[in-house]
C-alpha atoms as a PDB file:
ATOM      1  CA  MET A   1    -154.716 131.550 -79.317  1.00  0.00           C
ATOM      2  CA  ASP A   2    -157.715 133.011 -78.181  1.00  0.00           C
ATOM      3  CA  VAL A   3    -160.802 131.101 -76.842  1.00  0.00           C
ATOM      4  CA  ALA A   4    -163.761 132.608 -78.168  1.00  0.00           C
ATOM      5  CA  ALA A   5    -166.966 131.934 -80.657  1.00  0.00           C
ATOM      6  CA  THR A   6    -166.191 131.882 -84.794  1.00  0.00           C
ATOM      7  CA  PRO A   7    -169.117 130.897 -87.432  1.00  0.00           C
ATOM      8  CA  SER A   8    -167.660 127.515 -87.820  1.00  0.00           C
ATOM      9  CA  GLN A   9    -166.963 126.475 -83.819  1.00  0.00           C
ATOM     10  CA  PRO A  10    -169.223 126.917 -80.895  1.00  0.00           C
ATOM     11  CA  SER A  11    -169.075 129.514 -78.029  1.00  0.00           C
ATOM     12  CA  GLY A  12    -166.018 129.098 -76.291  1.00  0.00           C
ATOM     13  CA  LEU A  13    -164.023 126.787 -78.168  1.00  0.00           C
ATOM     14  CA  PRO A  14    -160.392 128.024 -79.498  1.00  0.00           C
ATOM     15  CA  VAL A  15    -160.044 129.449 -82.570  1.00  0.00           C
ATOM     16  CA  GLY A  16    -157.912 129.596 -85.589  1.00  0.00           C
ATOM     17  CA  THR A  17    -156.856 127.317 -88.184  1.00  0.00           C
ATOM     18  CA  THR A  18    -156.717 123.778 -87.888  1.00  0.00           C
ATOM     19  CA  THR A  19    -153.418 123.144 -88.094  1.00  0.00           C
ATOM     20  CA  GLU A  20    -153.343 125.630 -85.065  1.00  0.00           C
ATOM     21  CA  ARG A  21    -155.758 123.949 -82.792  1.00  0.00           C
ATOM     22  CA  ILE A  22    -153.847 120.637 -83.727  1.00  0.00           C
ATOM     23  CA  VAL A  23    -150.554 122.424 -82.561  1.00  0.00           C
ATOM     24  CA  LEU A  24    -152.458 123.261 -79.409  1.00  0.00           C
ATOM     25  CA  ALA A  25    -154.172 119.944 -78.553  1.00  0.00           C
ATOM     26  CA  CYS A  26    -150.669 118.425 -79.070  1.00  0.00           C
ATOM     27  CA  ARG A  27    -149.164 120.635 -76.967  1.00  0.00           C
ATOM     28  CA  VAL A  28    -151.772 120.451 -74.407  1.00  0.00           C
ATOM     29  CA  GLY A  29    -151.756 116.518 -74.234  1.00  0.00           C
ATOM     30  CA  ARG A  30    -148.158 116.543 -74.151  1.00  0.00           C
ATOM     31  CA  THR A  31    -148.395 118.960 -70.799  1.00  0.00           C
ATOM     32  CA  MET A  32    -151.003 116.810 -69.087  1.00  0.00           C
ATOM     33  CA  ARG A  33    -148.672 113.568 -69.081  1.00  0.00           C
ATOM     34  CA  ARG A  34    -146.251 115.545 -66.971  1.00  0.00           C
ATOM     35  CA  PRO A  35    -145.942 113.454 -63.805  1.00  0.00           C
ATOM     36  CA  GLN A  36    -145.390 117.002 -61.711  1.00  0.00           C
ATOM     37  CA  LEU A  37    -147.649 119.733 -62.311  1.00  0.00           C
ATOM     38  CA  SER A  38    -149.122 122.567 -59.795  1.00  0.00           C
ATOM     39  CA  ALA A  39    -152.768 122.470 -59.182  1.00  0.00           C
ATOM     40  CA  ALA A  40    -153.467 125.482 -61.205  1.00  0.00           C
ATOM     41  CA  LEU A  41    -151.574 124.734 -64.242  1.00  0.00           C
ATOM     42  CA  ARG A  42    -153.547 121.565 -64.164  1.00  0.00           C
ATOM     43  CA  ARG A  43    -156.692 123.014 -64.036  1.00  0.00           C
ATOM     44  CA  GLN A  44    -156.174 125.575 -67.069  1.00  0.00           C
ATOM     45  CA  LEU A  45    -154.883 122.634 -68.708  1.00  0.00           C
ATOM     46  CA  GLU A  46    -158.142 119.982 -68.144  1.00  0.00           C
ATOM     47  CA  HIS A  47    -160.030 123.211 -68.902  1.00  0.00           C
ATOM     48  CA  VAL A  48    -157.987 123.625 -72.734  1.00  0.00           C
ATOM     49  CA  ALA A  49    -158.707 120.233 -72.926  1.00  0.00           C
ATOM     50  CA  TRP A  50    -162.026 120.303 -72.631  1.00  0.00           C
ATOM     51  CA  LEU A  51    -163.188 122.891 -74.496  1.00  0.00           C
ATOM     52  CA  LEU A  52    -160.026 120.867 -77.430  1.00  0.00           C
ATOM     53  CA  ILE A  53    -162.165 117.207 -77.504  1.00  0.00           C
ATOM     54  CA  ARG A  54    -165.683 119.274 -78.287  1.00  0.00           C
ATOM     55  CA  ASP A  55    -163.760 120.437 -81.222  1.00  0.00           C
ATOM     56  CA  THR A  56    -165.896 120.211 -84.411  1.00  0.00           C
ATOM     57  CA  ASP A  57    -162.593 119.065 -86.425  1.00  0.00           C
ATOM     58  CA  ALA A  58    -162.021 115.626 -85.916  1.00  0.00           C
ATOM     59  CA  ALA A  59    -158.760 115.888 -86.475  1.00  0.00           C
ATOM     60  CA  VAL A  60    -158.108 118.587 -83.530  1.00  0.00           C
ATOM     61  CA  ARG A  61    -159.560 115.518 -80.950  1.00  0.00           C
ATOM     62  CA  ALA A  62    -157.542 113.110 -82.328  1.00  0.00           C
ATOM     63  CA  ALA A  63    -154.583 114.815 -81.911  1.00  0.00           C
ATOM     64  CA  LEU A  64    -155.351 115.542 -78.247  1.00  0.00           C
ATOM     65  CA  ALA A  65    -156.528 111.707 -77.714  1.00  0.00           C
ATOM     66  CA  PHE A  66    -153.371 110.574 -79.567  1.00  0.00           C
ATOM     67  CA  GLU A  67    -150.985 112.650 -76.482  1.00  0.00           C
ATOM     68  CA  LEU A  68    -153.167 111.257 -73.651  1.00  0.00           C
ATOM     69  CA  ARG A  69    -153.588 107.782 -74.572  1.00  0.00           C
ATOM     70  CA  GLN A  70    -150.412 107.152 -71.829  1.00  0.00           C
ATOM     71  CA  ALA A  71    -150.867 109.694 -69.761  1.00  0.00           C
ATOM     72  CA  PRO A  72    -151.553 108.408 -66.076  1.00  0.00           C
ATOM     73  CA  ASP A  73    -153.913 111.098 -64.669  1.00  0.00           C
ATOM     74  CA  VAL A  74    -156.560 112.520 -66.988  1.00  0.00           C
ATOM     75  CA  PRO A  75    -160.224 112.964 -65.625  1.00  0.00           C
ATOM     76  CA  ARG A  76    -162.279 110.416 -66.038  1.00  0.00           C
ATOM     77  CA  ALA A  77    -165.173 111.899 -67.402  1.00  0.00           C
ATOM     78  CA  LEU A  78    -162.882 113.302 -70.325  1.00  0.00           C
ATOM     79  CA  ALA A  79    -161.760 110.014 -70.854  1.00  0.00           C
ATOM     80  CA  MET A  80    -164.804 108.834 -71.294  1.00  0.00           C
ATOM     81  CA  ARG A  81    -165.656 111.489 -74.136  1.00  0.00           C
ATOM     82  CA  ILE A  82    -162.549 110.341 -75.563  1.00  0.00           C
ATOM     83  CA  VAL A  83    -163.851 106.226 -75.675  1.00  0.00           C
ATOM     84  CA  LYS A  84    -167.349 107.483 -76.894  1.00  0.00           C
ATOM     85  CA  ASP A  85    -166.372 109.570 -79.854  1.00  0.00           C
ATOM     86  CA  LEU A  86    -167.689 108.130 -82.857  1.00  0.00           C
ATOM     87  CA  GLU A  87    -164.713 108.478 -85.246  1.00  0.00           C
ATOM     88  CA  GLU A  88    -162.667 105.872 -84.853  1.00  0.00           C
ATOM     89  CA  ASP A  89    -159.151 108.059 -85.326  1.00  0.00           C
ATOM     90  CA  VAL A  90    -160.022 109.794 -82.022  1.00  0.00           C
ATOM     91  CA  ALA A  91    -161.212 107.044 -80.005  1.00  0.00           C
ATOM     92  CA  ALA A  92    -158.990 104.060 -81.312  1.00  0.00           C
ATOM     93  CA  PRO A  93    -155.736 104.757 -80.417  1.00  0.00           C
ATOM     94  CA  PHE A  94    -156.960 105.858 -76.802  1.00  0.00           C
ATOM     95  CA  ILE A  95    -158.733 102.783 -76.038  1.00  0.00           C
ATOM     96  CA  ALA A  96    -156.219 100.623 -77.202  1.00  0.00           C
ATOM     97  CA  SER A  97    -152.894 102.120 -74.956  1.00  0.00           C
ATOM     98  CA  THR A  98    -154.768 104.037 -71.789  1.00  0.00           C
ATOM     99  CA  PRO A  99    -153.716 102.803 -68.578  1.00  0.00           C
ATOM    100  CA  LEU A 100    -157.252 104.300 -66.887  1.00  0.00           C
ATOM    101  CA  PHE A 101    -159.350 101.850 -67.254  1.00  0.00           C
ATOM    102  CA  ASP A 102    -159.049  98.020 -65.787  1.00  0.00           C
ATOM    103  CA  ASP A 103    -161.016  94.972 -66.758  1.00  0.00           C
ATOM    104  CA  GLY A 104    -164.239  95.471 -64.800  1.00  0.00           C
ATOM    105  CA  ASP A 105    -164.477  99.195 -65.995  1.00  0.00           C
ATOM    106  CA  TRP A 106    -164.222  97.879 -69.764  1.00  0.00           C
ATOM    107  CA  LEU A 107    -166.493  95.084 -69.153  1.00  0.00           C
ATOM    108  CA  ARG A 108    -169.138  97.313 -67.579  1.00  0.00           C
ATOM    109  CA  MET A 109    -169.042  99.700 -70.312  1.00  0.00           C
ATOM    110  CA  ILE A 110    -168.487  96.827 -73.446  1.00  0.00           C
ATOM    111  CA  ASP A 111    -172.437  96.728 -74.000  1.00  0.00           C
ATOM    112  CA  ASP A 112    -171.854 100.383 -75.347  1.00  0.00           C
ATOM    113  CA  LEU A 113    -169.361 100.394 -77.412  1.00  0.00           C
ATOM    114  CA  GLU A 114    -168.709 100.767 -81.365  1.00  0.00           C
ATOM    115  CA  ASP A 115    -167.382  97.911 -83.506  1.00  0.00           C
ATOM    116  CA  ASP A 116    -164.456  99.730 -84.089  1.00  0.00           C
ATOM    117  CA  ALA A 117    -164.191 100.416 -80.221  1.00  0.00           C
ATOM    118  CA  LEU A 118    -164.245  97.103 -79.713  1.00  0.00           C
ATOM    119  CA  THR A 119    -161.375  96.559 -82.444  1.00  0.00           C
ATOM    120  CA  ALA A 120    -159.209  99.057 -80.488  1.00  0.00           C
ATOM    121  CA  LEU A 121    -159.839  97.250 -77.334  1.00  0.00           C
ATOM    122  CA  ALA A 122    -159.009  93.734 -79.083  1.00  0.00           C
ATOM    123  CA  HIS A 123    -155.846  95.560 -79.913  1.00  0.00           C
ATOM    124  CA  ARG A 124    -154.411  96.161 -75.999  1.00  0.00           C
ATOM    125  CA  SER A 125    -151.693  95.053 -74.849  1.00  0.00           C
ATOM    126  CA  ALA A 126    -153.546  92.264 -72.634  1.00  0.00           C
ATOM    127  CA  VAL A 127    -156.361  91.362 -72.894  1.00  0.00           C
ATOM    128  CA  SER A 128    -157.909  88.609 -70.185  1.00  0.00           C
ATOM    129  CA  ASP A 129    -159.845  86.129 -70.585  1.00  0.00           C
ATOM    130  CA  ALA A 130    -163.093  87.352 -69.791  1.00  0.00           C
ATOM    131  CA  LEU A 131    -162.483  90.887 -72.018  1.00  0.00           C
ATOM    132  CA  ALA A 132    -161.666  88.377 -74.654  1.00  0.00           C
ATOM    133  CA  GLU A 133    -165.110  86.438 -74.136  1.00  0.00           C
ATOM    134  CA  ALA A 134    -166.958  89.641 -74.027  1.00  0.00           C
ATOM    135  CA  ILE A 135    -165.404  90.880 -77.144  1.00  0.00           C
ATOM    136  CA  LEU A 136    -166.365  87.410 -79.226  1.00  0.00           C
ATOM    137  CA  LEU A 137    -169.609  87.755 -78.335  1.00  0.00           C
ATOM    138  CA  ARG A 138    -170.267  91.517 -79.501  1.00  0.00           C
ATOM    139  CA  GLY A 139    -167.639  92.199 -82.117  1.00  0.00           C
ATOM    140  CA  SER A 140    -167.844  91.525 -85.701  1.00  0.00           C
ATOM    141  CA  ASP A 141    -164.957  89.071 -87.854  1.00  0.00           C
ATOM    142  CA  ARG A 142    -162.771  92.347 -87.709  1.00  0.00           C
ATOM    143  CA  ALA A 143    -162.716  92.656 -83.556  1.00  0.00           C
ATOM    144  CA  VAL A 144    -162.171  88.953 -83.612  1.00  0.00           C
ATOM    145  CA  ARG A 145    -159.440  88.720 -86.246  1.00  0.00           C
ATOM    146  CA  SER A 146    -157.792  91.801 -84.150  1.00  0.00           C
ATOM    147  CA  LEU A 147    -158.422  90.095 -80.864  1.00  0.00           C
ATOM    148  CA  VAL A 148    -156.966  86.485 -81.715  1.00  0.00           C
ATOM    149  CA  SER A 149    -154.050  87.766 -83.858  1.00  0.00           C
ATOM    150  CA  ASN A 150    -153.191  90.094 -80.776  1.00  0.00           C
ATOM    151  CA  PRO A 151    -150.586  88.148 -78.874  1.00  0.00           C
ATOM    152  CA  GLY A 152    -151.218  89.636 -75.438  1.00  0.00           C
ATOM    153  CA  THR A 153    -154.717  88.322 -75.754  1.00  0.00           C
ATOM    154  CA  LYS A 154    -155.179  85.195 -73.243  1.00  0.00           C
ATOM    155  CA  LEU A 155    -156.615  82.463 -75.310  1.00  0.00           C
ATOM    156  CA  SER A 156    -157.775  79.579 -73.136  1.00  0.00           C
ATOM    157  CA  PRO A 157    -158.595  76.020 -74.994  1.00  0.00           C
ATOM    158  CA  ASP A 158    -162.567  76.782 -74.545  1.00  0.00           C
ATOM    159  CA  LEU A 159    -162.407  80.322 -76.173  1.00  0.00           C
ATOM    160  CA  CYS A 160    -160.209  79.541 -78.642  1.00  0.00           C
ATOM    161  CA  ARG A 161    -163.354  76.032 -79.482  1.00  0.00           C
ATOM    162  CA  GLN A 162    -165.639  79.494 -79.271  1.00  0.00           C
ATOM    163  CA  VAL A 163    -163.807  81.177 -81.433  1.00  0.00           C
ATOM    164  CA  VAL A 164    -164.215  78.420 -84.072  1.00  0.00           C
ATOM    165  CA  SER A 165    -167.691  78.091 -83.380  1.00  0.00           C
ATOM    166  CA  ARG A 166    -168.924  81.246 -83.934  1.00  0.00           C
ATOM    167  CA  PHE A 167    -166.382  82.251 -87.112  1.00  0.00           C
ATOM    168  CA  GLY A 168    -165.079  78.943 -88.454  1.00  0.00           C
ATOM    169  CA  LYS A 169    -166.113  79.837 -91.888  1.00  0.00           C
ATOM    170  CA  CYS A 170    -164.678  83.441 -91.851  1.00  0.00           C
ATOM    171  CA  ARG A 171    -161.340  82.246 -93.342  1.00  0.00           C
ATOM    172  CA  PRO A 172    -159.531  85.817 -92.256  1.00  0.00           C
ATOM    173  CA  VAL A 173    -160.340  85.201 -88.416  1.00  0.00           C
ATOM    174  CA  MET A 174    -159.034  81.446 -88.767  1.00  0.00           C
ATOM    175  CA  ASP A 175    -156.169  82.382 -90.730  1.00  0.00           C
ATOM    176  CA  GLY A 176    -155.430  85.312 -87.951  1.00  0.00           C
ATOM    177  CA  MET A 177    -155.451  82.832 -84.840  1.00  0.00           C
ATOM    178  CA  ALA A 178    -153.336  80.004 -86.338  1.00  0.00           C
ATOM    179  CA  GLU A 179    -150.698  82.312 -87.023  1.00  0.00           C
ATOM    180  CA  ARG A 180    -150.042  82.450 -83.268  1.00  0.00           C
ATOM    181  CA  GLY A 181    -147.308  80.517 -81.379  1.00  0.00           C
ATOM    182  CA  ASP A 182    -149.191  79.300 -78.666  1.00  0.00           C
ATOM    183  CA  LEU A 183    -152.189  77.041 -79.579  1.00  0.00           C
ATOM    184  CA  PRO A 184    -153.004  73.733 -77.635  1.00  0.00           C
ATOM    185  CA  GLN A 185    -152.165  70.944 -80.486  1.00  0.00           C
ATOM    186  CA  PRO A 186    -156.100  69.829 -80.743  1.00  0.00           C
ATOM    187  CA  VAL A 187    -156.956  73.247 -81.559  1.00  0.00           C
ATOM    188  CA  VAL A 188    -154.424  73.833 -84.386  1.00  0.00           C
ATOM    189  CA  GLU A 189    -155.910  69.898 -85.261  1.00  0.00           C
ATOM    190  CA  MET A 190    -159.483  72.212 -85.556  1.00  0.00           C
ATOM    191  CA  LEU A 191    -157.689  74.922 -87.508  1.00  0.00           C
ATOM    192  CA  LEU A 192    -155.919  72.706 -90.111  1.00  0.00           C
ATOM    193  CA  PHE A 193    -159.103  72.314 -92.442  1.00  0.00           C
ATOM    194  CA  ARG A 194    -159.929  75.657 -92.064  1.00  0.00           C
ATOM    195  CA  VAL A 195    -156.900  78.366 -93.114  1.00  0.00           C
ATOM    196  CA  SER A 196    -155.611  79.226 -96.163  1.00  0.00           C
ATOM    197  CA  ASP A 197    -152.415  77.125 -97.887  1.00  0.00           C
ATOM    198  CA  ARG A 198    -149.966  79.433 -96.938  1.00  0.00           C
ATOM    199  CA  VAL A 199    -151.266  79.440 -93.141  1.00  0.00           C
ATOM    200  CA  ARG A 200    -151.349  75.835 -92.907  1.00  0.00           C
ATOM    201  CA  ALA A 201    -148.458  75.309 -93.889  1.00  0.00           C
ATOM    202  CA  ARG A 202    -147.283  77.541 -91.753  1.00  0.00           C
ATOM    203  CA  LEU A 203    -148.767  75.438 -88.698  1.00  0.00           C
ATOM    204  CA  VAL A 204    -147.446  72.100 -90.328  1.00  0.00           C
ATOM    205  CA  GLU A 205    -144.106  73.832 -89.872  1.00  0.00           C
ATOM    206  CA  GLN A 206    -144.816  75.293 -86.196  1.00  0.00           C
ATOM    207  CA  TYR A 207    -146.460  72.526 -84.986  1.00  0.00           C
ATOM    208  CA  ALA A 208    -144.950  69.409 -86.567  1.00  0.00           C
ATOM    209  CA  VAL A 209    -148.481  68.343 -87.889  1.00  0.00           C
ATOM    210  CA  ASP A 210    -147.318  67.389 -91.043  1.00  0.00           C
ATOM    211  CA  GLU A 211    -149.178  64.337 -91.109  1.00  0.00           C
ATOM    212  CA  THR A 212    -150.018  63.505 -87.712  1.00  0.00           C
ATOM    213  CA  ALA A 213    -153.476  65.373 -87.687  1.00  0.00           C
ATOM    214  CA  ALA A 214    -154.674  63.512 -90.606  1.00  0.00           C
ATOM    215  CA  ARG A 215    -153.307  60.058 -89.407  1.00  0.00           C
ATOM    216  CA  LYS A 216    -155.298  60.557 -86.387  1.00  0.00           C
ATOM    217  CA  LEU A 217    -158.319  61.747 -88.084  1.00  0.00           C
ATOM    218  CA  GLY A 218    -158.164  58.610 -90.441  1.00  0.00           C
ATOM    219  CA  LEU A 219    -158.400  60.773 -93.500  1.00  0.00           C
ATOM    220  CA  THR A 220    -157.050  60.360 -97.656  1.00  0.00           C
ATOM    221  CA  ALA A 221    -155.739  63.485 -98.448  1.00  0.00           C
ATOM    222  CA  HIS A 222    -158.886  63.617-100.451  1.00  0.00           C
ATOM    223  CA  GLU A 223    -161.093  63.170 -97.802  1.00  0.00           C
ATOM    224  CA  ALA A 224    -159.112  66.186 -95.909  1.00  0.00           C
ATOM    225  CA  ALA A 225    -160.103  68.126 -98.869  1.00  0.00           C
ATOM    226  CA  LEU A 226    -164.001  67.260 -98.694  1.00  0.00           C
ATOM    227  CA  LEU A 227    -164.351  68.458 -94.948  1.00  0.00           C
ATOM    228  CA  ALA A 228    -162.415  71.494 -95.602  1.00  0.00           C
ATOM    229  CA  TYR A 229    -165.098  72.064 -98.357  1.00  0.00           C
ATOM    230  CA  LEU A 230    -167.710  71.412 -96.586  1.00  0.00           C
ATOM    231  CA  ALA A 231    -166.475  73.628 -93.428  1.00  0.00           C
ATOM    232  CA  GLY A 232    -166.424  76.377 -95.800  1.00  0.00           C
ATOM    233  CA  GLN A 233    -170.384  76.436 -96.851  1.00  0.00           C
ATOM    234  CA  GLU A 234    -173.625  77.923 -96.017  1.00  0.00           C
ATOM    235  CA  GLU A 235    -175.224  75.495 -93.608  1.00  0.00           C
ATOM    236  CA  ALA A 236    -178.448  75.680 -95.802  1.00  0.00           C
ATOM    237  CA  ARG A 237    -176.206  74.181 -98.842  1.00  0.00           C
ATOM    238  CA  LEU A 238    -175.306  71.485 -96.797  1.00  0.00           C
ATOM    239  CA  PRO A 239    -177.957  68.763 -97.040  1.00  0.00           C
ATOM    240  CA  ALA A 240    -177.416  68.660-100.222  1.00  0.00           C
ATOM    241  CA  LEU A 241    -173.756  68.305-100.210  1.00  0.00           C
ATOM    242  CA  VAL A 242    -174.129  65.684 -97.898  1.00  0.00           C
ATOM    243  CA  GLN A 243    -176.465  63.855-100.208  1.00  0.00           C
ATOM    244  CA  ARG A 244    -173.840  64.102-103.124  1.00  0.00           C
ATOM    245  CA  LEU A 245    -171.255  62.849-101.258  1.00  0.00           C
ATOM    246  CA  ALA A 246    -173.515  59.502-100.248  1.00  0.00           C
ATOM    247  CA  LEU A 247    -174.098  59.147-103.646  1.00  0.00           C
ATOM    248  CA  THR A 248    -171.016  58.987-104.941  1.00  0.00           C
ATOM    249  CA  GLY A 249    -169.463  56.873-101.999  1.00  0.00           C
ATOM    250  CA  LYS A 250    -167.539  59.504-100.288  1.00  0.00           C
ATOM    251  CA  LEU A 251    -169.496  59.854 -97.523  1.00  0.00           C
ATOM    252  CA  THR A 252    -166.779  57.626 -95.060  1.00  0.00           C
ATOM    253  CA  ASP A 253    -166.701  56.100 -91.567  1.00  0.00           C
ATOM    254  CA  SER A 254    -163.407  58.738 -91.827  1.00  0.00           C
ATOM    255  CA  LEU A 255    -165.164  61.712 -92.902  1.00  0.00           C
ATOM    256  CA  ILE A 256    -168.195  61.347 -89.847  1.00  0.00           C
ATOM    257  CA  VAL A 257    -165.054  60.691 -87.110  1.00  0.00           C
ATOM    258  CA  ALA A 258    -163.208  63.936 -88.737  1.00  0.00           C
ATOM    259  CA  ALA A 259    -166.415  66.135 -89.321  1.00  0.00           C
ATOM    260  CA  ALA A 260    -166.919  64.773 -85.148  1.00  0.00           C
ATOM    261  CA  ARG A 261    -163.844  65.565 -84.264  1.00  0.00           C
ATOM    262  CA  GLN A 262    -163.970  68.728 -86.039  1.00  0.00           C
ATOM    263  CA  ARG A 263    -166.888  69.928 -84.305  1.00  0.00           C
ATOM    264  CA  TYR A 264    -168.888  70.264 -87.558  1.00  0.00           C
ATOM    265  CA  ARG A 265    -171.988  69.539 -86.086  1.00  0.00           C
ATOM    266  CA  VAL A 266    -174.837  70.251 -88.933  1.00  0.00           C
ATOM    267  CA  VAL A 267    -172.607  67.776 -90.992  1.00  0.00           C
ATOM    268  CA  CYS A 268    -172.281  64.897 -88.336  1.00  0.00           C
ATOM    269  CA  LEU A 269    -175.921  65.140 -88.083  1.00  0.00           C
ATOM    270  CA  LEU A 270    -177.058  64.857 -91.684  1.00  0.00           C
ATOM    271  CA  ALA A 271    -174.451  62.164 -92.509  1.00  0.00           C
ATOM    272  CA  LEU A 272    -175.646  60.296 -89.661  1.00  0.00           C
ATOM    273  CA  ALA A 273    -179.252  60.680 -90.380  1.00  0.00           C
ATOM    274  CA  HIS A 274    -178.244  59.645 -94.277  1.00  0.00           C
ATOM    275  CA  ARG A 275    -176.697  56.839 -93.098  1.00  0.00           C
ATOM    276  CA  ALA A 276    -178.696  55.538 -90.763  1.00  0.00           C
ATOM    277  CA  SER A 277    -181.802  56.271 -92.720  1.00  0.00           C
ATOM    278  CA  GLU A 278    -183.379  58.285 -90.640  1.00  0.00           C
ATOM    279  CA  THR A 279    -184.531  61.748 -90.320  1.00  0.00           C
ATOM    280  CA  ALA A 280    -182.197  64.619 -89.132  1.00  0.00           C
ATOM    281  CA  ILE A 281    -184.910  65.102 -86.210  1.00  0.00           C
ATOM    282  CA  THR A 282    -184.564  61.894 -85.232  1.00  0.00           C
ATOM    283  CA  VAL A 283    -180.580  61.689 -84.899  1.00  0.00           C
ATOM    284  CA  ARG A 284    -180.767  65.181 -83.219  1.00  0.00           C
ATOM    285  CA  ARG A 285    -183.535  63.777 -80.856  1.00  0.00           C
ATOM    286  CA  ARG A 286    -181.267  60.853 -79.734  1.00  0.00           C
ATOM    287  CA  LEU A 287    -178.056  62.577 -79.400  1.00  0.00           C
ATOM    288  CA  GLN A 288    -179.745  65.190 -77.025  1.00  0.00           C
ATOM    289  CA  LYS A 289    -180.335  62.026 -74.788  1.00  0.00           C
ATOM    290  CA  ALA A 290    -176.742  61.204 -74.505  1.00  0.00           C
ATOM    291  CA  ASP A 291    -178.162  57.378 -74.454  1.00  0.00           C
ATOM    292  CA  THR A 292    -175.552  54.820 -75.176  1.00  0.00           C
ATOM    293  CA  ASP A 293    -177.522  52.191 -76.405  1.00  0.00           C
ATOM    294  CA  ALA A 294    -179.042  54.377 -78.306  1.00  0.00           C
ATOM    295  CA  TRP A 295    -175.970  55.881 -79.854  1.00  0.00           C
ATOM    296  CA  ASP A 296    -175.124  52.135 -80.504  1.00  0.00           C
ATOM    297  CA  HIS A 297    -178.395  51.465 -82.178  1.00  0.00           C
ATOM    298  CA  MET A 298    -178.137  54.662 -84.411  1.00  0.00           C
ATOM    299  CA  LEU A 299    -174.278  53.816 -84.850  1.00  0.00           C
ATOM    300  CA  ALA A 300    -174.869  50.447 -86.022  1.00  0.00           C
ATOM    301  CA  ARG A 301    -177.446  51.556 -88.570  1.00  0.00           C
ATOM    302  CA  ALA A 302    -175.498  53.797 -89.862  1.00  0.00           C
ATOM    303  CA  GLU A 303    -173.268  50.525 -90.614  1.00  0.00           C
ATOM    304  CA  ILE A 304    -170.178  53.083 -88.598  1.00  0.00           C
ATOM    305  CA  ALA A 305    -167.133  50.251 -88.493  1.00  0.00           C
ATOM    306  CA  VAL A 306    -167.095  48.510 -84.852  1.00  0.00           C
ATOM    307  CA  ASP A 307    -163.503  50.233 -84.405  1.00  0.00           C
ATOM    308  CA  LYS A 308    -164.577  53.388 -85.136  1.00  0.00           C
ATOM    309  CA  ARG A 309    -167.355  53.655 -82.620  1.00  0.00           C
ATOM    310  CA  GLY A 310    -166.073  54.203 -79.841  1.00  0.00           C
ATOM    311  CA  ALA A 311    -163.698  57.364 -81.180  1.00  0.00           C
ATOM    312  CA  LEU A 312    -166.802  58.728 -83.278  1.00  0.00           C
ATOM    313  CA  LYS A 313    -169.066  58.421 -79.602  1.00  0.00           C
ATOM    314  CA  GLY A 314    -166.246  60.474 -77.765  1.00  0.00           C
ATOM    315  CA  TYR A 315    -166.258  63.041 -80.869  1.00  0.00           C
ATOM    316  CA  LEU A 316    -169.826  63.314 -80.644  1.00  0.00           C
ATOM    317  CA  SER A 317    -170.301  63.769 -77.071  1.00  0.00           C
ATOM    318  CA  ALA A 318    -167.893  66.638 -76.798  1.00  0.00           C
ATOM    319  CA  ILE A 319    -170.161  68.934 -79.131  1.00  0.00           C
ATOM    320  CA  PRO A 320    -171.329  71.439 -76.629  1.00  0.00           C
ATOM    321  CA  SER A 321    -175.199  71.080 -78.217  1.00  0.00           C
ATOM    322  CA  TRP A 322    -177.671  69.522 -80.074  1.00  0.00           C
ATOM    323  CA  SER A 323    -180.103  71.615 -80.083  1.00  0.00           C
END
């Protein structure tokens, strides 16, 4: 195949039909994967690879990137060119598989990656805790769903809590995490009221939490349903919903304790404010100070049963931020 200029290709790029250029890209990529190549042949292959990765047809670039995805020796600049290709079909398979970059490399370039690239990064066979946290902080629900669904992702209990804190209302992300087989029991209980019925049934079977979690939370089936409903609501709707629960006698001690255990911060704040006849701002200030006497006074005003106050205070103190 000649290397020359054509009306559709910039000067110096391989000519021919798209199919012919794809065949060339596959051949070049496969040859570059061979462990022993002469210096002269490697230079020639790398020269052609650089021409192909500039091809105007994404299918050609994708063919080359796919063949190079597990190559142990690719020029770093060429690999970076593939990683930053704007076409997902080009960059994603390479990002998901290449051995050329370590965690430090990915963490240094992660701010420059688009969400498609973050999703591919989340699919790698091994994702460290540090890399997982970086993807969680920057990625969309699609990227995070891929992250938590990947058995190669190292998910610490703290990272699980961060996922729930940021994506607790996103059913696909919650379902994806719940389908793992290595979740700590507290995380399983945190997910019970955030997942679909199908996934909840799997959690019950896999982790033997059929009634254990509900008993620990002190919830009736109706209260569990209410808590699941509240967890899925927009924050702006919660004040009216909490008030309606109070007016109908459904804002129970066990519901408030369960909300605190599951770290539903806004629900706890509004519920305690309503029960104690205080503003949410006042309750937030009390909780921010972490003053035991002030908390006892607030829970007494809220008429929380004495036997539930210890557990409630423990759960409230575990919620990371009351700002």
